[in-house]
């Protein structure tokens, strides 16, 4: 299957965000070597992409906080610290997932999906307050 087919498959899957191109390229690279990535490896890459995106969002919010008036700046920094704590927790869960056996990772995935929902909600909420 080539990159275009993976992109089309990702676009058809309405239950998740589109798969980042880096993951698609990695899938093709693994297939060239005769190895197909496992669901666990794909899920790990998806989470890493989400964490990278979150880092970029936090950096944008920090820039807004740095330029905010003194009266709201303290509240913005407090919210940023909460987001960074959540992000660190997600990174720890990703590390647990990487080290989990093939049988145990599905249980961790369920917890990670739930945690990611909370993180996404918190990030959206903070973003709306930083306007």
Protein backbone atom coordinates (compact mmCIF):
# COMPACT_ATOMS: atom_id res chain seq x y z
CA UNK A 1 0.00 0.00 0.00
CA UNK A 2 1.47 3.39 -0.92
CA UNK A 3 1.31 6.77 0.88
CA UNK A 4 -1.75 7.89 -1.07
CA UNK A 5 -3.68 4.80 -0.02
CA UNK A 6 -2.75 5.32 3.64
CA UNK A 7 -3.78 8.97 3.42
CA UNK A 8 -7.11 7.95 1.89
CA UNK A 9 -7.58 5.32 4.60
CA UNK A 10 -6.80 7.90 7.29
CA UNK A 11 -9.22 10.39 5.73
CA UNK A 12 -11.99 7.76 5.70
CA UNK A 13 -11.53 7.03 9.41
CA UNK A 14 -13.81 9.63 11.00
CA UNK A 15 -13.25 8.31 14.54
CA UNK A 16 -9.74 9.76 14.78
CA UNK A 17 -7.81 12.74 13.56
CA UNK A 18 -6.01 12.27 10.27
CA UNK A 19 -2.79 10.33 10.69
CA UNK A 20 0.24 12.63 10.51
CA UNK A 21 2.32 12.23 7.38
CA UNK A 22 5.36 11.20 9.46
CA UNK A 23 3.48 8.12 10.64
CA UNK A 24 2.44 7.30 7.09
CA UNK A 25 6.05 7.61 5.94
CA UNK A 26 7.21 5.42 8.83
CA UNK A 27 4.65 2.78 7.91
CA UNK A 28 5.97 2.71 4.35
CA UNK A 29 9.54 2.62 5.59
CA UNK A 30 8.82 -0.37 7.83
CA UNK A 31 7.07 -2.15 4.99
CA UNK A 32 10.09 -1.68 2.75
CA UNK A 33 12.15 -3.58 5.30
CA UNK A 34 9.60 -6.35 5.37
CA UNK A 35 8.36 -5.44 8.85
CA UNK A 36 4.84 -4.23 9.51
CA UNK A 37 4.35 -1.98 12.51
CA UNK A 38 2.18 -3.31 15.30
CA UNK A 39 -0.93 -1.55 16.58
CA UNK A 40 1.05 -0.72 19.71
CA UNK A 41 3.82 1.00 17.71
CA UNK A 42 1.28 2.94 15.64
CA UNK A 43 -0.56 4.02 18.78
CA UNK A 44 2.70 5.16 20.36
CA UNK A 45 3.52 7.28 17.33
CA UNK A 46 0.03 8.77 17.36
CA UNK A 47 0.40 9.72 21.03
CA UNK A 48 3.84 11.17 20.43
CA UNK A 49 2.42 13.31 17.62
CA UNK A 50 -0.34 14.53 19.99
CA UNK A 51 2.24 15.37 22.65
CA UNK A 52 4.36 17.26 20.14
CA UNK A 53 1.29 19.20 19.03
CA UNK A 54 0.46 19.95 22.65
CA UNK A 55 3.97 21.29 23.24
CA UNK A 56 3.54 23.67 20.33
CA UNK A 57 0.14 24.80 21.68
CA UNK A 58 1.57 25.37 25.15
CA UNK A 59 4.40 27.43 23.66
CA UNK A 60 1.86 29.59 21.81
CA UNK A 61 -0.13 30.09 25.01
CA UNK A 62 3.04 30.99 26.90
CA UNK A 63 3.82 33.66 24.32
CA UNK A 64 0.32 35.09 24.82
CA UNK A 65 0.76 34.98 28.59
CA UNK A 66 4.11 36.76 28.33
CA UNK A 67 2.44 39.58 26.42
CA UNK A 68 -0.66 39.78 28.63
CA UNK A 69 -1.33 42.46 31.15
CA UNK A 70 -0.02 41.97 34.67
CA UNK A 71 -3.54 41.56 36.04
CA UNK A 72 -4.17 38.33 34.10
CA UNK A 73 -0.62 37.11 33.63
CA UNK A 74 -0.48 35.28 36.97
CA UNK A 75 -3.68 33.34 36.15
CA UNK A 76 -2.33 32.46 32.69
CA UNK A 77 0.91 31.13 34.15
CA UNK A 78 -1.05 29.04 36.66
CA UNK A 79 -3.06 27.48 33.83
CA UNK A 80 0.14 26.83 31.86
CA UNK A 81 1.65 25.00 34.83
CA UNK A 82 -1.45 22.82 35.07
CA UNK A 83 -1.17 22.00 31.37
CA UNK A 84 2.53 21.20 31.72
CA UNK A 85 1.75 18.88 34.64
CA UNK A 86 -0.87 17.09 32.56
CA UNK A 87 1.57 16.87 29.68
CA UNK A 88 4.27 15.35 31.92
CA UNK A 89 1.75 12.81 33.17
CA UNK A 90 0.86 11.90 29.57
CA UNK A 91 4.54 11.49 28.72
CA UNK A 92 4.96 9.17 31.71
CA UNK A 93 1.96 7.12 30.56
CA UNK A 94 3.47 6.93 27.07
CA UNK A 95 6.70 5.62 28.59
CA UNK A 96 4.69 3.02 30.53
CA UNK A 97 2.96 2.04 27.31
CA UNK A 98 6.29 1.66 25.50
CA UNK A 99 7.57 -0.63 28.24
CA UNK A 100 4.37 -2.66 28.56
CA UNK A 101 4.11 -6.13 27.18
CA UNK A 102 1.96 -6.84 24.16
CA UNK A 103 -0.87 -8.09 26.36
CA UNK A 104 -0.85 -5.27 28.93
CA UNK A 105 -0.68 -2.33 26.54
CA UNK A 106 -4.38 -2.54 25.63
CA UNK A 107 -5.30 -1.84 29.27
CA UNK A 108 -2.93 1.13 29.34
CA UNK A 109 -4.38 2.36 26.05
CA UNK A 110 -7.84 2.65 27.59
CA UNK A 111 -6.49 4.77 30.44
CA UNK A 112 -4.42 6.86 28.05
CA UNK A 113 -7.41 7.55 25.82
CA UNK A 114 -9.36 8.78 28.83
CA UNK A 115 -6.47 10.92 30.05
CA UNK A 116 -5.99 12.36 26.56
CA UNK A 117 -9.64 13.43 26.50
CA UNK A 118 -9.12 15.35 29.75
CA UNK A 119 -5.93 16.94 28.46
CA UNK A 120 -7.60 18.02 25.21
CA UNK A 121 -10.50 19.57 27.12
CA UNK A 122 -8.13 21.45 29.44
CA UNK A 123 -6.06 22.72 26.52
CA UNK A 124 -9.15 23.94 24.65
CA UNK A 125 -10.43 25.63 27.79
CA UNK A 126 -7.12 27.38 28.41
CA UNK A 127 -6.89 28.43 24.76
CA UNK A 128 -10.34 30.02 24.91
CA UNK A 129 -9.39 31.98 28.06
CA UNK A 130 -6.17 33.24 26.50
CA UNK A 131 -7.99 35.10 23.71
